[in-house]
Amino acid sequence: MTESSRPPGTMGSNPLKVAFLGLGALGEPMAANLLTAGVALTVHNRTRAREEPLAARGARRAATAAAAAADADLLAICVSDGPDVEAVLFGADGAAEALRPGALVVDFSSIDPAVSQQLAARLRLQGVAYLDAPVTGGTEGARAGSLSVLVGGAPADLERARPVLEVVGGRITHFGPVGAGQQAKAVNQVLLAGSYTAVAEGLSLAKRLGLPLDLLVEALKGGAAGSWALEHRSGAMVSGHFPLGFKLELHRKDLGIALAAASALQLELPISAQVAAIEDELIAAGFGTEDVAALARWYGQSQGPTGSVRTAPGTLRS
């Protein structure tokens, strides 16, 4: 395993031609940072309107994934799940058909490690290299270029991609062969499950006790209970407003990957299993597209106009 970190900066004049597929909550600011760094960037997104702000800043728009990949030295992907990655690579007008031998695919998506390995094997047959490079750090980190990038793949391919990775990420860690980055991301999502739920649970208790929540959060941030979730998502939990950072339903998908990996190793993850059950309830109640901080709804913590209050075990009401 190797790790590197850098202060925020720019790439300067970089010869790599980069295509970026997937301009969602993380992909769009990551692509924007590449433009700021001077990268020759082509973008494509299934919802084409998402390309327009980047095009206004100098990106070239492509009508299909294949068109985006045709001239790319490095193809970056940031989509929701494994089937989406497979579709943009190998579906109709997929990028793989246009990638040249010697090109490199860097997948920032969070998917099953086995799927990453399968995709890498298929691309290898046409002389294209692959890194799985899921990221963590939220939309805040994506905008700041300070994401932690968890990499699996050949060391030589990582070095080829490093100029791009150093723009989107503040810390780059190589964990091993293809799939290892996704395994590290699964661990991250287990930790995230516990930390978000602990913040939601603690604030629920504090509210019932009648404590001033804003004052309490500020007091606890600098102590042993301090965490990324407390720092960045407690405000949403207190206000009952959950602007999108990372969708609850996507975290549930990632947690499923982690639980499956643990099951295959005959390892129980009881906290993660309980959080998964809570998330299933929230998704069934229609809150899956909110930020993961919406876990607070399960405790009746949110007080906004669309807040949800837990009224009895196993029930939620809006």
Protein backbone atom coordinates (compact mmCIF):
# COMPACT_ATOMS: atom_id res chain seq x y z
CA MET A 1 0.00 0.00 0.00
CA THR A 2 1.29 3.45 -0.86
CA GLU A 3 -0.10 6.82 0.07
CA SER A 4 0.53 10.38 -1.00
CA SER A 5 -1.06 13.70 -0.21
CA ARG A 6 -0.62 17.20 -1.55
CA PRO A 7 -1.77 20.73 -0.86
CA PRO A 8 -4.48 22.05 -3.20
CA GLY A 9 -3.02 23.25 -6.47
CA THR A 10 -3.30 23.12 -10.22
CA MET A 11 -1.91 20.80 -12.83
CA GLY A 12 -0.65 23.45 -15.19
CA SER A 13 -0.26 22.46 -18.82
CA ASN A 14 -0.97 18.72 -18.97
CA PRO A 15 -0.69 16.77 -22.22
CA LEU A 16 -3.31 14.18 -21.25
CA LYS A 17 -6.60 14.37 -23.09
CA VAL A 18 -9.27 13.45 -20.55
CA ALA A 19 -12.89 12.44 -21.04
CA PHE A 20 -15.26 12.51 -18.07
CA LEU A 21 -18.49 10.46 -17.98
CA GLY A 22 -20.99 11.15 -15.18
CA LEU A 23 -21.57 14.69 -13.97
CA GLY A 24 -23.59 14.17 -10.81
CA ALA A 25 -23.05 15.53 -7.31
CA LEU A 26 -19.42 14.36 -7.25
CA GLY A 27 -18.56 14.12 -10.94
CA GLU A 28 -19.45 17.68 -11.88
CA PRO A 29 -17.19 19.43 -9.34
CA MET A 30 -14.41 16.92 -10.04
CA ALA A 31 -14.63 17.71 -13.75
CA ALA A 32 -14.76 21.43 -13.00
CA ASN A 33 -11.51 21.18 -11.05
CA LEU A 34 -9.86 19.47 -14.01
CA LEU A 35 -10.89 22.37 -16.22
CA THR A 36 -9.51 24.84 -13.70
CA ALA A 37 -6.23 22.91 -13.74
CA GLY A 38 -5.91 23.32 -17.49
CA VAL A 39 -6.90 19.81 -18.63
CA ALA A 40 -8.17 19.33 -22.19
CA LEU A 41 -11.53 17.90 -21.15
CA THR A 42 -14.41 16.26 -22.98
CA VAL A 43 -17.60 15.55 -21.02
CA HIS A 44 -20.69 13.44 -21.48
CA ASN A 45 -23.66 12.85 -19.22
CA ARG A 46 -26.86 10.90 -19.79
CA THR A 47 -28.83 14.02 -18.82
CA ARG A 48 -27.17 16.28 -21.39
CA ALA A 49 -28.09 19.57 -19.68
CA ARG A 50 -25.56 18.78 -16.95
CA GLU A 51 -22.80 19.28 -19.50
CA GLU A 52 -23.69 22.89 -20.20
CA PRO A 53 -22.01 24.66 -17.22
CA LEU A 54 -18.75 22.83 -17.98
CA ALA A 55 -19.03 23.59 -21.69
CA ALA A 56 -19.38 27.27 -20.80
CA ARG A 57 -16.01 26.97 -19.06
CA GLY A 58 -14.29 25.35 -22.04
CA ALA A 59 -15.11 21.64 -21.95
CA ARG A 60 -15.99 19.91 -25.20
CA ARG A 61 -19.37 18.15 -25.16
CA ALA A 62 -19.80 14.68 -26.65
CA ALA A 63 -23.14 13.22 -27.74
CA THR A 64 -22.30 9.71 -26.56
CA ALA A 65 -19.86 7.93 -24.29
CA ALA A 66 -18.14 6.52 -27.36
CA ALA A 67 -17.71 9.99 -28.86
CA ALA A 68 -16.22 11.23 -25.59
CA ALA A 69 -13.73 8.37 -25.45
CA ALA A 70 -12.60 8.49 -29.07
CA ASP A 71 -9.71 10.90 -28.49
CA ALA A 72 -9.09 10.27 -24.79
CA ASP A 73 -5.84 9.21 -23.21
CA LEU A 74 -7.65 8.85 -19.89
CA LEU A 75 -11.36 8.14 -19.44
CA ALA A 76 -12.79 9.05 -16.03
CA ILE A 77 -16.12 7.58 -14.92
CA CYS A 78 -18.23 8.67 -11.96
CA VAL A 79 -21.69 7.06 -12.02
CA SER A 80 -24.02 5.45 -9.52
CA ASP A 81 -23.41 1.70 -9.61
CA GLY A 82 -21.89 -1.28 -11.37
CA PRO A 83 -24.58 -1.67 -14.06
CA ASP A 84 -24.16 2.02 -14.93
CA VAL A 85 -20.38 1.63 -15.30
CA GLU A 86 -20.87 -1.42 -17.50
CA ALA A 87 -23.45 0.46 -19.60
CA VAL A 88 -21.25 3.49 -20.26
CA LEU A 89 -18.36 1.22 -21.19
CA PHE A 90 -19.99 -1.68 -23.03
CA GLY A 91 -23.60 -0.66 -23.72
CA ALA A 92 -24.97 0.96 -26.86
CA ASP A 93 -22.55 3.71 -27.97
CA GLY A 94 -20.37 2.70 -25.03
CA ALA A 95 -16.90 4.10 -24.51
CA ALA A 96 -15.07 0.79 -24.88
CA GLU A 97 -15.79 0.59 -28.59
CA ALA A 98 -13.91 3.86 -29.17
CA LEU A 99 -11.06 3.59 -26.66
CA ARG A 100 -7.67 3.27 -28.30
CA PRO A 101 -5.10 0.65 -27.21
CA GLY A 102 -2.97 2.23 -24.53
CA ALA A 103 -5.80 4.30 -23.07
CA LEU A 104 -6.52 4.23 -19.34
CA VAL A 105 -9.92 4.03 -17.63
CA VAL A 106 -10.18 5.47 -14.11
CA ASP A 107 -13.45 4.54 -12.42
CA PHE A 108 -14.32 6.86 -9.53
CA SER A 109 -17.66 5.08 -8.99
CA SER A 110 -18.33 2.91 -5.94
CA ILE A 111 -19.13 -0.60 -7.16
CA ASP A 112 -18.64 -4.26 -6.28
CA PRO A 113 -14.92 -5.20 -6.39
CA ALA A 114 -15.74 -8.26 -8.50
CA VAL A 115 -17.39 -6.05 -11.11
CA SER A 116 -14.28 -3.85 -11.26
CA GLN A 117 -12.17 -6.95 -11.86
CA GLN A 118 -14.51 -8.16 -14.62
CA LEU A 119 -14.49 -4.78 -16.36
CA ALA A 120 -10.70 -4.59 -16.13
CA ALA A 121 -10.38 -8.04 -17.69
CA ARG A 122 -12.65 -7.10 -20.61
CA LEU A 123 -10.77 -3.88 -21.27
CA ARG A 124 -7.42 -5.63 -21.05
CA LEU A 125 -8.39 -7.73 -24.07
CA GLN A 126 -8.37 -4.57 -26.17
CA GLY A 127 -5.20 -3.15 -24.67
CA VAL A 128 -6.90 -0.69 -22.30
CA ALA A 129 -5.81 -0.38 -18.66
CA TYR A 130 -8.16 0.13 -15.71
CA LEU A 131 -7.97 1.56 -12.20
CA ASP A 132 -10.74 1.41 -9.65
CA ALA A 133 -10.48 4.69 -7.75
CA PRO A 134 -13.57 5.32 -5.62
CA VAL A 135 -13.48 8.54 -3.64
CA THR A 136 -14.61 9.71 -0.23
CA GLY A 137 -14.97 13.20 1.19
CA GLY A 138 -18.44 14.25 0.10
CA THR A 139 -19.46 17.06 -2.19
CA GLU A 140 -17.38 19.41 -0.05
CA GLY A 141 -14.25 17.44 -0.87
CA ALA A 142 -15.19 17.19 -4.53
CA ARG A 143 -15.51 20.97 -4.81
CA ALA A 144 -12.29 21.61 -2.90
CA GLY A 145 -10.27 18.97 -4.76
CA SER A 146 -9.49 17.34 -1.42
CA LEU A 147 -11.14 13.94 -1.86
CA SER A 148 -9.42 10.82 -0.60
CA VAL A 149 -8.89 8.54 -3.62
CA LEU A 150 -8.76 4.80 -2.90
CA VAL A 151 -6.94 3.08 -5.75
CA GLY A 152 -6.74 -0.47 -7.02
CA GLY A 153 -4.68 -1.41 -10.09
CA ALA A 154 -1.17 -1.63 -11.47
CA PRO A 155 1.34 0.83 -9.97
CA ALA A 156 2.42 1.96 -13.44
CA ASP A 157 -1.18 2.82 -14.33
CA LEU A 158 -1.55 4.76 -11.10
CA GLU A 159 1.50 6.83 -12.03
CA ARG A 160 0.00 7.57 -15.44
CA ALA A 161 -3.19 8.75 -13.78
CA ARG A 162 -1.54 10.62 -10.93
CA PRO A 163 -1.62 14.09 -12.57
CA VAL A 164 -5.41 13.79 -12.82
CA LEU A 165 -5.87 12.18 -9.40
CA GLU A 166 -3.85 14.94 -7.75
CA VAL A 167 -6.31 17.52 -9.05
CA VAL A 168 -9.45 15.81 -7.73
CA GLY A 169 -7.94 14.39 -4.55
CA GLY A 170 -5.87 15.61 -1.65
CA ARG A 171 -4.84 12.08 -0.64
CA ILE A 172 -4.17 9.18 -3.00
CA THR A 173 -3.70 5.70 -1.56
CA HIS A 174 -2.81 2.59 -3.55
CA PHE A 175 -4.19 -0.55 -1.89
CA GLY A 176 -3.21 -3.23 -4.40
CA PRO A 177 -4.56 -4.81 -7.59
CA VAL A 178 -7.84 -3.94 -9.30
CA GLY A 179 -10.71 -4.28 -6.81
CA ALA A 180 -8.66 -3.29 -3.76
CA GLY A 181 -9.83 0.33 -4.00
CA GLN A 182 -13.44 -0.83 -3.95
CA GLN A 183 -12.74 -3.02 -0.94
CA ALA A 184 -11.32 -0.01 0.89
CA LYS A 185 -14.41 2.00 -0.07
CA ALA A 186 -16.64 -0.73 1.39
CA VAL A 187 -14.81 -0.33 4.71
CA ASN A 188 -15.30 3.44 4.45
CA GLN A 189 -19.05 2.95 4.02
CA VAL A 190 -19.22 0.73 7.09
CA LEU A 191 -17.52 3.47 9.12
CA LEU A 192 -19.84 6.06 7.59
CA ALA A 193 -22.88 4.01 8.55
CA GLY A 194 -21.85 3.98 12.18
CA SER A 195 -20.76 7.61 12.41
CA TYR A 196 -23.84 9.12 10.73
CA THR A 197 -26.20 6.96 12.76
CA ALA A 198 -24.38 7.75 15.99
CA VAL A 199 -24.74 11.49 15.32
CA ALA A 200 -28.44 11.09 14.53
CA GLU A 201 -28.98 8.98 17.65
CA GLY A 202 -27.05 11.31 19.92
CA LEU A 203 -28.92 14.38 18.67
CA SER A 204 -32.22 12.57 19.14
CA LEU A 205 -31.34 11.98 22.79
CA ALA A 206 -30.17 15.58 23.20
CA LYS A 207 -33.44 16.90 21.81
CA ARG A 208 -35.49 14.75 24.19
CA LEU A 209 -33.36 16.06 27.04
CA GLY A 210 -34.09 19.63 25.98
CA LEU A 211 -30.47 20.58 25.33
CA PRO A 212 -29.65 23.44 22.93
CA LEU A 213 -28.58 21.43 19.89
CA ASP A 214 -26.46 24.04 18.11
CA LEU A 215 -24.53 24.79 21.29
CA LEU A 216 -24.09 21.09 22.01
CA VAL A 217 -22.72 20.35 18.54
CA GLU A 218 -20.14 23.13 18.79
CA ALA A 219 -19.08 21.90 22.21
CA LEU A 220 -18.65 18.30 21.05
CA LYS A 221 -16.87 18.94 17.74
CA GLY A 222 -13.54 19.51 19.45
CA GLY A 223 -13.82 16.56 21.83
CA ALA A 224 -13.54 12.79 21.61
CA ALA A 225 -16.93 12.59 19.84
CA GLY A 226 -15.78 14.83 16.99
CA SER A 227 -16.16 13.32 13.52
CA TRP A 228 -16.64 14.28 9.86
CA ALA A 229 -20.34 13.46 10.21
CA LEU A 230 -20.72 15.68 13.28
CA GLU A 231 -18.79 18.51 11.62
CA HIS A 232 -20.50 18.43 8.23
CA ARG A 233 -23.95 16.85 8.68
CA SER A 234 -25.18 17.67 12.17
CA GLY A 235 -26.57 20.99 10.93
CA ALA A 236 -28.78 19.19 8.43
CA MET A 237 -29.98 16.82 11.14
CA VAL A 238 -30.82 19.70 13.48
CA SER A 239 -32.65 21.70 10.81
CA GLY A 240 -34.42 18.76 9.23
CA HIS A 241 -33.25 19.87 5.78
CA PHE A 242 -31.11 17.36 3.87
CA PRO A 243 -29.52 18.93 0.77
CA LEU A 244 -27.89 16.31 -1.39
CA GLY A 245 -24.32 15.40 -0.66
CA PHE A 246 -24.47 11.62 -1.05
CA LYS A 247 -27.77 9.88 -1.65
CA LEU A 248 -29.08 7.62 1.09
CA GLU A 249 -30.01 4.99 -1.50
CA LEU A 250 -26.45 4.96 -2.85
CA HIS A 251 -25.03 4.48 0.64
CA ARG A 252 -27.45 1.58 1.09
CA LYS A 253 -26.13 0.08 -2.15
CA ASP A 254 -22.55 0.42 -0.90
CA LEU A 255 -23.47 -1.02 2.49
CA GLY A 256 -24.93 -4.02 0.68
CA ILE A 257 -21.55 -4.57 -0.98
CA ALA A 258 -19.80 -4.44 2.39
CA LEU A 259 -22.31 -6.78 4.04
CA ALA A 260 -21.98 -9.29 1.19
CA ALA A 261 -18.18 -9.20 1.49
CA ALA A 262 -18.41 -9.77 5.24
CA SER A 263 -20.88 -12.62 4.79
CA ALA A 264 -18.54 -14.35 2.34
CA LEU A 265 -15.86 -14.19 5.05
CA GLN A 266 -18.31 -15.42 7.73
CA LEU A 267 -17.97 -12.09 9.54
CA GLU A 268 -20.94 -10.45 11.21
CA LEU A 269 -21.36 -6.67 11.00
CA PRO A 270 -24.32 -6.12 13.35
CA ILE A 271 -24.18 -2.32 13.40
CA SER A 272 -24.03 -2.11 9.62
CA ALA A 273 -26.87 -4.61 9.31
CA GLN A 274 -29.04 -2.48 11.61
CA VAL A 275 -28.23 0.70 9.70
CA ALA A 276 -29.08 -1.09 6.45
CA ALA A 277 -32.49 -2.01 7.90
CA ILE A 278 -33.08 1.62 8.94
CA GLU A 279 -32.11 2.81 5.48
CA ASP A 280 -34.48 0.29 3.92
CA GLU A 281 -37.33 1.82 5.94
CA LEU A 282 -36.40 5.33 4.91
CA ILE A 283 -36.08 4.38 1.25
CA ALA A 284 -39.48 2.66 1.37
CA ALA A 285 -40.89 5.88 2.88
CA GLY A 286 -39.59 7.90 -0.08
CA PHE A 287 -36.41 9.45 1.36
CA GLY A 288 -33.81 7.51 -0.65
CA THR A 289 -32.75 10.47 -2.78
CA GLU A 290 -31.95 12.66 0.22
CA ASP A 291 -28.50 12.92 1.77
CA VAL A 292 -27.40 10.13 4.12
CA ALA A 293 -27.96 12.60 6.97
CA ALA A 294 -31.66 11.79 6.49
CA LEU A 295 -30.96 8.86 8.82
CA ALA A 296 -32.05 11.40 11.44
CA ARG A 297 -35.62 11.05 10.17
CA TRP A 298 -35.79 7.56 11.66
CA TYR A 299 -35.37 9.08 15.11
CA GLY A 300 -37.91 11.83 14.57
CA GLN A 301 -35.02 14.30 14.79
CA SER A 302 -35.99 16.43 11.80
CA GLN A 303 -38.43 19.26 12.37
CA GLY A 304 -38.69 20.75 8.87
CA PRO A 305 -41.94 20.98 6.91
CA THR A 306 -41.24 17.63 5.23
CA GLY A 307 -39.82 16.08 8.37
CA SER A 308 -40.62 12.52 9.29
CA VAL A 309 -41.40 11.39 12.82
CA ARG A 310 -40.98 7.84 14.00
CA THR A 311 -44.26 7.00 15.72
CA ALA A 312 -43.81 3.31 16.58
CA PRO A 313 -41.28 0.54 15.99
CA GLY A 314 -41.04 -0.12 12.26
CA THR A 315 -43.11 2.90 11.16
CA LEU A 316 -42.39 6.30 9.72
CA ARG A 317 -44.77 9.10 8.92
CA SER A 318 -44.23 12.34 7.02
